[in-house]
Amino acid sequence: VYELPNVPDRVDESCAIVDMRNIAWTEPHYHIETEIYFILQGNGLIVIDRHEQTIVPGNVIVVPSNKAHYV
């Protein structure tokens, strides 16, 4: 995970580059800020608040604050 700095006027969002090629899944967790995923390559499944969604390149996924999620 490579955390990127937040834009000063967007403190409720976070941005990071994540390479999951060697990770089968993440543990369910949540954040106090909104998280935005830009899927660049690969396929998978994201679960947000018990709602499953297949992810493919080109998807943009918005995870609202305080919602449990995992990939």
N, C-alpha and C. Protein backbone atom coordinates (compact mmCIF):
# COMPACT_ATOMS: atom_id res chain seq x y z
N VAL A 1 0.86 -1.17 0.00
CA VAL A 1 0.00 0.00 0.00
C VAL A 1 0.89 1.23 0.00
N TYR A 2 0.63 2.13 -0.93
CA TYR A 2 1.36 3.39 -1.00
C TYR A 2 0.36 4.52 -0.77
N GLU A 3 0.34 5.05 0.44
CA GLU A 3 -0.59 6.13 0.79
C GLU A 3 -0.15 7.41 0.09
N LEU A 4 -1.11 8.11 -0.49
CA LEU A 4 -0.84 9.39 -1.15
C LEU A 4 -1.36 10.52 -0.27
N PRO A 5 -0.73 11.68 -0.34
CA PRO A 5 -1.19 12.80 0.50
C PRO A 5 -2.59 13.25 0.09
N ASN A 6 -3.35 13.66 1.08
CA ASN A 6 -4.70 14.19 0.82
C ASN A 6 -4.61 15.63 0.34
N VAL A 7 -5.55 15.99 -0.50
CA VAL A 7 -5.69 17.39 -0.89
C VAL A 7 -6.23 18.12 0.34
N PRO A 8 -5.64 19.25 0.73
CA PRO A 8 -6.02 19.90 1.99
C PRO A 8 -7.52 20.15 2.19
N ASP A 9 -8.25 20.46 1.13
CA ASP A 9 -9.67 20.75 1.32
C ASP A 9 -10.56 19.51 1.17
N ARG A 10 -9.95 18.30 1.12
CA ARG A 10 -10.71 17.05 1.00
C ARG A 10 -10.27 16.08 2.08
N VAL A 11 -10.37 16.53 3.32
CA VAL A 11 -9.87 15.74 4.45
C VAL A 11 -10.68 14.50 4.73
N ASP A 12 -11.88 14.38 4.18
CA ASP A 12 -12.71 13.20 4.42
C ASP A 12 -12.53 12.12 3.36
N GLU A 13 -11.47 12.21 2.56
CA GLU A 13 -11.18 11.21 1.54
C GLU A 13 -9.74 10.75 1.69
N SER A 14 -9.45 9.56 1.20
CA SER A 14 -8.08 9.07 1.21
C SER A 14 -7.77 8.48 -0.16
N CYS A 15 -6.51 8.44 -0.49
CA CYS A 15 -6.09 7.90 -1.78
C CYS A 15 -4.81 7.10 -1.56
N ALA A 16 -4.76 5.93 -2.15
CA ALA A 16 -3.58 5.08 -2.03
C ALA A 16 -3.47 4.22 -3.28
N ILE A 17 -2.27 3.78 -3.57
CA ILE A 17 -2.04 2.81 -4.63
C ILE A 17 -1.85 1.47 -3.93
N VAL A 18 -2.65 0.47 -4.33
CA VAL A 18 -2.58 -0.83 -3.68
C VAL A 18 -2.35 -1.90 -4.75
N ASP A 19 -1.34 -2.71 -4.53
CA ASP A 19 -1.02 -3.83 -5.42
C ASP A 19 -1.41 -5.10 -4.67
N MET A 20 -2.46 -5.77 -5.15
CA MET A 20 -2.96 -6.96 -4.45
C MET A 20 -2.61 -8.26 -5.17
N ARG A 21 -1.62 -8.23 -6.05
CA ARG A 21 -1.28 -9.45 -6.79
C ARG A 21 -0.88 -10.60 -5.87
N ASN A 22 -0.27 -10.31 -4.75
CA ASN A 22 0.17 -11.36 -3.83
C ASN A 22 -0.69 -11.45 -2.58
N ILE A 23 -1.88 -10.84 -2.62
CA ILE A 23 -2.79 -10.84 -1.48
C ILE A 23 -4.11 -11.46 -1.92
N ALA A 24 -4.55 -12.50 -1.25
CA ALA A 24 -5.80 -13.16 -1.64
C ALA A 24 -7.02 -12.32 -1.25
N TRP A 25 -6.99 -11.67 -0.08
CA TRP A 25 -8.10 -10.84 0.39
C TRP A 25 -7.61 -9.93 1.50
N THR A 26 -8.42 -8.94 1.80
CA THR A 26 -8.15 -8.07 2.94
C THR A 26 -9.13 -8.44 4.05
N GLU A 27 -8.78 -8.13 5.25
CA GLU A 27 -9.69 -8.35 6.37
C GLU A 27 -10.80 -7.30 6.34
N PRO A 28 -12.01 -7.64 6.74
CA PRO A 28 -13.07 -6.62 6.83
C PRO A 28 -12.62 -5.49 7.75
N HIS A 29 -12.85 -4.26 7.30
CA HIS A 29 -12.43 -3.08 8.06
C HIS A 29 -13.25 -1.89 7.60
N TYR A 30 -13.06 -0.76 8.26
CA TYR A 30 -13.72 0.47 7.84
C TYR A 30 -12.80 1.65 8.13
N HIS A 31 -13.14 2.79 7.55
CA HIS A 31 -12.37 4.02 7.72
C HIS A 31 -13.32 5.16 8.09
N ILE A 32 -12.78 6.19 8.69
CA ILE A 32 -13.62 7.36 8.99
C ILE A 32 -13.75 8.27 7.78
N GLU A 33 -12.96 8.01 6.74
CA GLU A 33 -13.05 8.82 5.52
C GLU A 33 -13.61 7.97 4.38
N THR A 34 -14.09 8.63 3.34
CA THR A 34 -14.53 7.95 2.12
C THR A 34 -13.30 7.39 1.42
N GLU A 35 -13.44 6.19 0.85
CA GLU A 35 -12.34 5.57 0.12
C GLU A 35 -12.79 5.37 -1.32
N ILE A 36 -11.92 5.68 -2.27
CA ILE A 36 -12.26 5.56 -3.69
C ILE A 36 -11.25 4.62 -4.35
N TYR A 37 -11.76 3.57 -4.99
CA TYR A 37 -10.92 2.61 -5.69
C TYR A 37 -11.03 2.84 -7.19
N PHE A 38 -9.89 2.91 -7.87
CA PHE A 38 -9.82 2.92 -9.33
C PHE A 38 -9.18 1.60 -9.72
N ILE A 39 -9.92 0.73 -10.34
CA ILE A 39 -9.41 -0.60 -10.68
C ILE A 39 -8.66 -0.50 -12.00
N LEU A 40 -7.35 -0.74 -11.95
CA LEU A 40 -6.50 -0.61 -13.12
C LEU A 40 -6.30 -1.92 -13.87
N GLN A 41 -6.18 -3.01 -13.13
CA GLN A 41 -6.04 -4.30 -13.79
C GLN A 41 -6.45 -5.41 -12.82
N GLY A 42 -6.76 -6.56 -13.39
CA GLY A 42 -7.17 -7.70 -12.58
C GLY A 42 -8.66 -7.70 -12.30
N ASN A 43 -9.12 -8.81 -11.80
CA ASN A 43 -10.53 -8.99 -11.47
C ASN A 43 -10.64 -9.38 -10.01
N GLY A 44 -11.80 -9.13 -9.42
CA GLY A 44 -11.98 -9.51 -8.03
C GLY A 44 -13.38 -9.27 -7.56
N LEU A 45 -13.52 -9.25 -6.27
CA LEU A 45 -14.81 -9.04 -5.63
C LEU A 45 -14.59 -8.10 -4.46
N ILE A 46 -15.44 -7.10 -4.33
CA ILE A 46 -15.41 -6.23 -3.18
C ILE A 46 -16.74 -6.38 -2.45
N VAL A 47 -16.68 -6.40 -1.15
CA VAL A 47 -17.88 -6.50 -0.32
C VAL A 47 -17.95 -5.24 0.52
N ILE A 48 -19.03 -4.48 0.35
CA ILE A 48 -19.24 -3.24 1.11
C ILE A 48 -20.54 -3.40 1.87
N ASP A 49 -20.42 -3.41 3.18
CA ASP A 49 -21.61 -3.51 4.03
C ASP A 49 -22.50 -4.69 3.61
N ARG A 50 -21.89 -5.84 3.38
CA ARG A 50 -22.53 -7.11 2.99
C ARG A 50 -23.06 -7.13 1.55
N HIS A 51 -22.76 -6.10 0.76
CA HIS A 51 -23.18 -6.06 -0.65
C HIS A 51 -21.97 -6.43 -1.51
N GLU A 52 -22.09 -7.51 -2.29
CA GLU A 52 -20.99 -7.98 -3.14
C GLU A 52 -21.03 -7.32 -4.51
N GLN A 53 -19.86 -6.97 -5.01
CA GLN A 53 -19.76 -6.40 -6.35
C GLN A 53 -18.48 -6.91 -7.01
N THR A 54 -18.63 -7.46 -8.23
CA THR A 54 -17.47 -7.88 -9.01
C THR A 54 -16.73 -6.64 -9.48
N ILE A 55 -15.39 -6.68 -9.44
CA ILE A 55 -14.61 -5.54 -9.91
C ILE A 55 -13.72 -5.98 -11.07
N VAL A 56 -13.65 -5.12 -12.07
CA VAL A 56 -12.85 -5.35 -13.27
C VAL A 56 -12.15 -4.04 -13.64
N PRO A 57 -11.12 -4.10 -14.49
CA PRO A 57 -10.45 -2.87 -14.89
C PRO A 57 -11.43 -1.83 -15.43
N GLY A 58 -11.22 -0.60 -15.03
CA GLY A 58 -12.08 0.50 -15.45
C GLY A 58 -13.13 0.87 -14.42
N ASN A 59 -13.38 -0.01 -13.45
CA ASN A 59 -14.35 0.31 -12.40
C ASN A 59 -13.81 1.39 -11.48
N VAL A 60 -14.72 2.20 -10.98
CA VAL A 60 -14.44 3.15 -9.90
C VAL A 60 -15.42 2.79 -8.79
N ILE A 61 -14.88 2.48 -7.63
CA ILE A 61 -15.70 2.05 -6.50
C ILE A 61 -15.56 3.09 -5.38
N VAL A 62 -16.67 3.57 -4.88
CA VAL A 62 -16.67 4.53 -3.77
C VAL A 62 -17.17 3.81 -2.53
N VAL A 63 -16.33 3.78 -1.50
CA VAL A 63 -16.70 3.16 -0.23
C VAL A 63 -17.00 4.30 0.76
N PRO A 64 -18.25 4.47 1.14
CA PRO A 64 -18.58 5.54 2.07
C PRO A 64 -17.89 5.35 3.42
N SER A 65 -17.73 6.44 4.13
CA SER A 65 -17.10 6.38 5.46
C SER A 65 -17.92 5.48 6.39
N ASN A 66 -17.19 4.83 7.28
CA ASN A 66 -17.79 3.98 8.32
C ASN A 66 -18.57 2.78 7.79
N LYS A 67 -18.29 2.35 6.57
CA LYS A 67 -18.91 1.13 6.02
C LYS A 67 -17.88 0.01 6.00
N ALA A 68 -18.19 -1.11 6.63
CA ALA A 68 -17.28 -2.24 6.62
C ALA A 68 -17.12 -2.74 5.18
N HIS A 69 -15.88 -3.07 4.83
CA HIS A 69 -15.61 -3.53 3.46
C HIS A 69 -14.36 -4.39 3.44
N TYR A 70 -14.26 -5.20 2.38
CA TYR A 70 -13.04 -5.96 2.12
C TYR A 70 -13.03 -6.34 0.66
N VAL A 71 -11.83 -6.68 0.18
CA VAL A 71 -11.64 -7.02 -1.23
C VAL A 71 -11.15 -8.46 -1.30
